[in-house]
Amino acid sequence: MPATPKQNPRLIAVLFAAIVMLAAAIVLLPVRTIEINTDCPYTAEQILEAAEAEKGLNLLFLDKKQLAADIRERLPKIGGLIIHRKLPGTLVITATPSSASGVLHNGEGYWLVNNRGQCMEEFRKEMLPEGLPILNGAFRKALSAEAEEEVSDASGVNYAPEGFVLLCEALNGSPLDNRISSVTPNPAYTLPDILIDGRYLGVLGDIDSASTDSPLTQVQNKLKVAAATIEVLDKRSPKPRGILSLNEKGKAYYHEDFSIGQEETETNS
């Protein structure tokens, strides 16, 4: 009969010690304290309340990405979040403010909206920051950690959330940054329509799921094509108005329409 291989006592002891240490880590390293560093318009106590559900969970296996998403969902004025662990049982959260991506006018007041489609706070018209586009449609307003409500304009049309978030991210550093007069959901497409310089209605269309480019790159390219097309059009005639169809990759189709932006011009004159 073949000889039975001898078991290595040292290897068995090492494996046993590793199992004991892992079990001890799970049991003995719960989140006991949460440190808050913030320059947001929330108190440390409010942020602590939003993260309170994470107390008692194991520090090593805590899902930091999900925790950050939960806090942002409950507190819309928070933009950046850095979360790190400090042994033996402390979670450190550093929060920075969210910036406004547009203004929603719902007939009763004006709301600043962040790039996640959440209403951050209500403002009087004369106190609104300059240069933000007017947003049409419906947005989420976080009331507390437990409840939300929807704030919408007269149309009540909802954004495709991913489309609005992509647009906000793509506009950062784009040639069209600070040139968007308004943003309106288009029921036919994922991406909203944008009014550029008050004179061009940009129909951004859809994201191509078969493309090798990321969704963000696709939107960035659409904005670049729009900017280049407008530069050419503005050289041909003084202040033309029309529709730019941007749904086809790398192309823009222009349709002259002098009614574009007229309502805004009359309102502001």
Protein backbone atom coordinates (compact mmCIF):
# COMPACT_ATOMS: atom_id res chain seq x y z
CA MET A 1 0.00 0.00 0.00
CA PRO A 2 1.28 3.52 -0.78
CA ALA A 3 2.59 5.47 2.20
CA THR A 4 0.28 8.18 3.56
CA PRO A 5 1.97 11.61 3.29
CA LYS A 6 2.83 13.07 6.67
CA GLN A 7 0.93 16.17 7.72
CA ASN A 8 3.04 19.26 8.46
CA PRO A 9 2.21 20.38 12.05
CA ARG A 10 3.72 23.83 11.45
CA LEU A 11 1.58 24.43 8.34
CA ILE A 12 -1.53 23.33 10.19
CA ALA A 13 -0.69 25.71 13.06
CA VAL A 14 -0.18 28.64 10.65
CA LEU A 15 -3.51 27.98 8.91
CA PHE A 16 -5.29 27.65 12.24
CA ALA A 17 -3.78 30.95 13.45
CA ALA A 18 -4.85 32.69 10.23
CA ILE A 19 -8.43 31.46 10.64
CA VAL A 20 -8.49 32.63 14.27
CA MET A 21 -7.13 36.07 13.30
CA LEU A 22 -9.71 36.44 10.52
CA ALA A 23 -12.52 35.51 12.88
CA ALA A 24 -11.18 37.95 15.47
CA ALA A 25 -11.07 40.73 12.85
CA ILE A 26 -14.69 40.13 11.96
CA VAL A 27 -15.81 40.13 15.59
CA LEU A 28 -13.43 42.61 17.18
CA LEU A 29 -13.19 45.40 14.58
CA PRO A 30 -16.65 46.98 14.42
CA VAL A 31 -17.06 50.65 13.51
CA ARG A 32 -17.23 52.29 16.94
CA THR A 33 -16.68 55.96 16.07
CA ILE A 34 -17.11 58.11 12.95
CA GLU A 35 -14.96 61.23 12.52
CA ILE A 36 -16.36 63.98 10.27
CA ASN A 37 -14.31 66.63 8.44
CA THR A 38 -16.43 68.99 6.36
CA ASP A 39 -16.73 72.46 4.86
CA CYS A 40 -20.22 71.68 3.51
CA PRO A 41 -23.37 73.51 4.62
CA TYR A 42 -24.19 70.52 6.82
CA THR A 43 -23.12 70.05 10.40
CA ALA A 44 -20.98 67.11 11.42
CA GLU A 45 -24.03 65.83 13.31
CA GLN A 46 -26.15 65.77 10.12
CA ILE A 47 -23.49 63.84 8.21
CA LEU A 48 -23.06 61.52 11.17
CA GLU A 49 -26.81 60.86 11.17
CA ALA A 50 -26.72 60.02 7.45
CA ALA A 51 -23.89 57.51 8.08
CA GLU A 52 -25.25 56.19 11.39
CA ALA A 53 -26.47 52.93 9.87
CA GLU A 54 -22.85 51.92 9.30
CA LYS A 55 -21.99 51.85 13.01
CA GLY A 56 -21.40 48.36 14.31
CA LEU A 57 -20.45 46.93 10.91
CA ASN A 58 -17.00 45.44 10.47
CA LEU A 59 -14.46 48.14 9.68
CA LEU A 60 -12.45 46.00 7.24
CA PHE A 61 -15.36 44.79 5.15
CA LEU A 62 -17.42 47.99 5.10
CA ASP A 63 -18.46 49.03 1.56
CA LYS A 64 -17.07 52.57 1.34
CA LYS A 65 -18.44 53.15 -2.17
CA GLN A 66 -21.99 52.29 -1.13
CA LEU A 67 -21.70 54.38 2.03
CA ALA A 68 -20.62 57.41 -0.03
CA ALA A 69 -23.55 56.90 -2.41
CA ASP A 70 -25.99 56.66 0.52
CA ILE A 71 -24.69 59.88 2.11
CA ARG A 72 -24.89 61.80 -1.18
CA GLU A 73 -28.42 60.55 -1.73
CA ARG A 74 -29.54 61.84 1.68
CA LEU A 75 -27.53 65.08 1.65
CA PRO A 76 -27.60 66.70 -1.83
CA LYS A 77 -25.27 69.59 -0.94
CA ILE A 78 -22.39 67.14 -0.52
CA GLY A 79 -20.25 66.66 -3.63
CA GLY A 80 -16.92 64.98 -2.89
CA LEU A 81 -16.50 62.31 -0.22
CA ILE A 82 -13.30 60.66 0.98
CA ILE A 83 -13.81 57.75 3.38
CA HIS A 84 -10.97 55.86 5.02
CA ARG A 85 -10.49 53.44 7.90
CA LYS A 86 -8.44 54.11 11.01
CA LEU A 87 -7.77 51.05 13.17
CA PRO A 88 -8.96 49.75 15.48
CA GLY A 89 -12.51 51.02 14.99
CA THR A 90 -12.75 54.52 13.48
CA LEU A 91 -14.24 55.57 10.15
CA VAL A 92 -13.09 58.98 8.87
CA ILE A 93 -15.37 60.87 6.46
CA THR A 94 -14.21 64.04 4.66
CA ALA A 95 -16.92 65.90 2.72
CA THR A 96 -16.71 68.79 0.23
CA PRO A 97 -19.60 70.87 -1.16
CA SER A 98 -21.58 70.03 -4.29
CA SER A 99 -21.74 72.72 -6.98
CA ALA A 100 -24.91 73.76 -8.79
CA SER A 101 -25.38 72.60 -12.38
CA GLY A 102 -28.54 74.56 -13.11
CA VAL A 103 -31.64 76.36 -11.88
CA LEU A 104 -35.14 74.90 -11.81
CA HIS A 105 -38.06 77.36 -11.89
CA ASN A 106 -41.21 75.52 -10.87
CA GLY A 107 -43.58 78.50 -10.80
CA GLU A 108 -43.36 78.92 -7.03
CA GLY A 109 -39.65 79.40 -6.60
CA TYR A 110 -36.16 78.76 -7.92
CA TRP A 111 -34.10 75.72 -6.95
CA LEU A 112 -30.40 75.09 -7.39
CA VAL A 113 -29.90 71.59 -8.81
CA ASN A 114 -26.69 69.56 -8.46
CA ASN A 115 -25.14 67.32 -11.11
CA ARG A 116 -26.96 64.29 -9.68
CA GLY A 117 -30.39 65.76 -10.44
CA GLN A 118 -31.17 66.71 -6.83
CA CYS A 119 -32.59 70.03 -5.73
CA MET A 120 -30.18 71.48 -3.18
CA GLU A 121 -31.93 74.61 -1.94
CA GLU A 122 -34.51 77.24 -2.84
CA PHE A 123 -33.44 80.77 -3.78
CA ARG A 124 -35.07 84.07 -4.53
CA LYS A 125 -34.63 85.04 -8.17
CA GLU A 126 -32.46 88.08 -7.39
CA MET A 127 -30.12 85.92 -5.28
CA LEU A 128 -29.44 83.24 -7.91
CA PRO A 129 -25.84 82.75 -9.13
CA GLU A 130 -25.24 83.98 -12.68
CA GLY A 131 -24.42 81.80 -15.66
CA LEU A 132 -26.41 78.69 -14.70
CA PRO A 133 -28.76 77.12 -17.29
CA ILE A 134 -32.51 76.96 -16.69
CA LEU A 135 -33.57 73.34 -16.17
CA ASN A 136 -36.94 72.08 -17.36
CA GLY A 137 -38.53 68.90 -16.08
CA ALA A 138 -38.57 67.16 -12.72
CA PHE A 139 -35.83 66.70 -10.15
CA ARG A 140 -35.46 64.93 -6.83
CA LYS A 141 -35.38 66.91 -3.60
CA ALA A 142 -33.86 65.16 -0.61
CA LEU A 143 -35.84 66.12 2.48
CA SER A 144 -34.11 63.92 5.04
CA ALA A 145 -32.47 60.56 5.42
CA GLU A 146 -35.94 58.98 5.38
CA ALA A 147 -37.96 60.84 2.74
CA GLU A 148 -37.82 62.46 -0.69
CA GLU A 149 -40.20 64.42 -2.82
CA GLU A 150 -40.18 65.53 -6.41
CA VAL A 151 -39.95 69.18 -7.48
CA SER A 152 -40.93 69.81 -11.09
CA ASP A 153 -41.76 72.54 -13.53
CA ALA A 154 -45.13 72.82 -15.26
CA SER A 155 -44.25 70.08 -17.77
CA GLY A 156 -43.65 67.45 -15.10
CA VAL A 157 -41.44 65.53 -17.55
CA ASN A 158 -38.78 63.42 -15.87
CA TYR A 159 -35.15 63.27 -16.90
CA ALA A 160 -33.42 60.02 -17.66
CA PRO A 161 -31.09 60.42 -14.65
CA GLU A 162 -28.04 58.93 -16.35
CA GLY A 163 -28.44 61.34 -19.28
CA PHE A 164 -28.46 64.43 -17.08
CA VAL A 165 -25.48 63.22 -15.03
CA LEU A 166 -23.50 62.47 -18.21
CA LEU A 167 -24.27 65.92 -19.62
CA CYS A 168 -23.12 67.68 -16.45
CA GLU A 169 -19.88 65.70 -16.40
CA ALA A 170 -19.23 66.22 -20.12
CA LEU A 171 -19.78 69.99 -19.90
CA ASN A 172 -16.93 70.32 -17.39
CA GLY A 173 -14.07 71.77 -19.46
CA SER A 174 -16.10 71.58 -22.67
CA PRO A 175 -16.10 74.40 -25.29
CA LEU A 176 -19.79 74.81 -24.45
CA ASP A 177 -19.27 75.17 -20.70
CA ASN A 178 -21.15 78.28 -19.46
CA ARG A 179 -22.90 78.61 -22.84
CA ILE A 180 -25.96 76.47 -22.07
CA SER A 181 -29.08 78.59 -21.59
CA SER A 182 -31.48 75.77 -20.73
CA VAL A 183 -31.73 71.99 -20.48
CA THR A 184 -34.93 70.11 -21.35
CA PRO A 185 -35.69 66.36 -21.22
CA ASN A 186 -36.45 64.80 -24.58
CA PRO A 187 -38.90 61.86 -24.19
CA ALA A 188 -37.52 60.25 -27.35
CA TYR A 189 -33.91 60.06 -26.16
CA THR A 190 -31.71 59.28 -23.17
CA LEU A 191 -29.92 62.65 -23.33
CA PRO A 192 -31.72 65.95 -22.76
CA ASP A 193 -31.87 68.76 -25.31
CA ILE A 194 -29.72 71.84 -24.66
CA LEU A 195 -30.19 75.45 -25.73
CA ILE A 196 -26.78 76.83 -26.68
CA ASP A 197 -26.12 80.60 -26.61
CA GLY A 198 -29.88 81.08 -26.56
CA ARG A 199 -29.92 80.42 -30.33
CA TYR A 200 -29.20 76.76 -31.07
CA LEU A 201 -31.29 73.83 -29.86
CA GLY A 202 -28.88 70.91 -29.55
CA VAL A 203 -30.63 67.54 -29.82
CA LEU A 204 -28.01 65.24 -28.29
CA GLY A 205 -29.97 62.05 -28.90
CA ASP A 206 -28.97 58.68 -27.48
CA ILE A 207 -25.93 56.84 -26.20
CA ASP A 208 -24.73 54.16 -28.64
CA SER A 209 -24.45 50.97 -26.60
CA ALA A 210 -22.50 49.28 -29.42
CA SER A 211 -19.80 51.96 -29.52
CA THR A 212 -16.32 51.28 -28.20
CA ASP A 213 -16.32 54.79 -26.71
CA SER A 214 -17.57 55.22 -23.15
CA PRO A 215 -20.90 57.04 -22.66
CA LEU A 216 -19.03 60.06 -21.25
CA THR A 217 -16.69 60.21 -24.26
CA GLN A 218 -19.69 60.01 -26.61
CA VAL A 219 -21.36 63.02 -24.97
CA GLN A 220 -18.08 64.96 -24.93
CA ASN A 221 -17.67 64.31 -28.66
CA LYS A 222 -21.23 65.48 -29.35
CA LEU A 223 -20.48 68.76 -27.54
CA LYS A 224 -17.24 69.22 -29.50
CA VAL A 225 -19.05 68.67 -32.81
CA ALA A 226 -21.75 71.14 -31.76
CA ALA A 227 -19.18 73.80 -30.80
CA ALA A 228 -17.27 73.39 -34.08
CA THR A 229 -20.48 73.54 -36.14
CA ILE A 230 -21.68 76.68 -34.36
CA GLU A 231 -18.33 78.37 -34.98
CA VAL A 232 -18.77 77.78 -38.73
CA LEU A 233 -22.42 78.87 -38.73
CA ASP A 234 -21.69 82.08 -36.84
CA LYS A 235 -19.16 83.08 -39.50
CA ARG A 236 -21.69 82.62 -42.29
CA SER A 237 -24.44 84.87 -40.97
CA PRO A 238 -25.04 87.11 -37.95
CA LYS A 239 -26.67 85.29 -35.03
CA PRO A 240 -28.43 82.45 -36.85
CA ARG A 241 -30.99 80.34 -34.99
CA GLY A 242 -31.79 76.71 -35.51
CA ILE A 243 -31.68 73.05 -34.50
CA LEU A 244 -28.53 70.94 -34.35
CA SER A 245 -29.24 67.20 -34.57
CA LEU A 246 -26.29 65.40 -32.95
CA ASN A 247 -27.51 61.83 -32.67
CA GLU A 248 -25.23 60.52 -35.43
CA LYS A 249 -21.60 59.96 -34.41
CA GLY A 250 -19.24 62.76 -35.48
CA LYS A 251 -21.91 64.68 -37.40
CA ALA A 252 -24.25 67.60 -36.87
CA TYR A 253 -27.27 68.37 -39.04
CA TYR A 254 -28.43 71.99 -38.95
CA HIS A 255 -32.02 73.07 -39.54
CA GLU A 256 -32.68 76.80 -39.61
CA ASP A 257 -35.46 77.84 -37.25
CA PHE A 258 -35.73 81.47 -36.16
CA SER A 259 -38.23 80.64 -33.41
CA ILE A 260 -35.47 79.00 -31.37
CA GLY A 261 -34.65 81.14 -28.35
CA GLN A 262 -37.24 83.80 -29.18
CA GLU A 263 -39.24 83.21 -26.00
CA GLU A 264 -36.11 83.59 -23.87
CA THR A 265 -35.09 86.77 -25.72
CA GLU A 266 -38.51 88.35 -25.17
CA THR A 267 -38.49 87.36 -21.50
CA ASN A 268 -35.06 88.86 -20.86
CA SER A 269 -35.56 92.04 -22.87
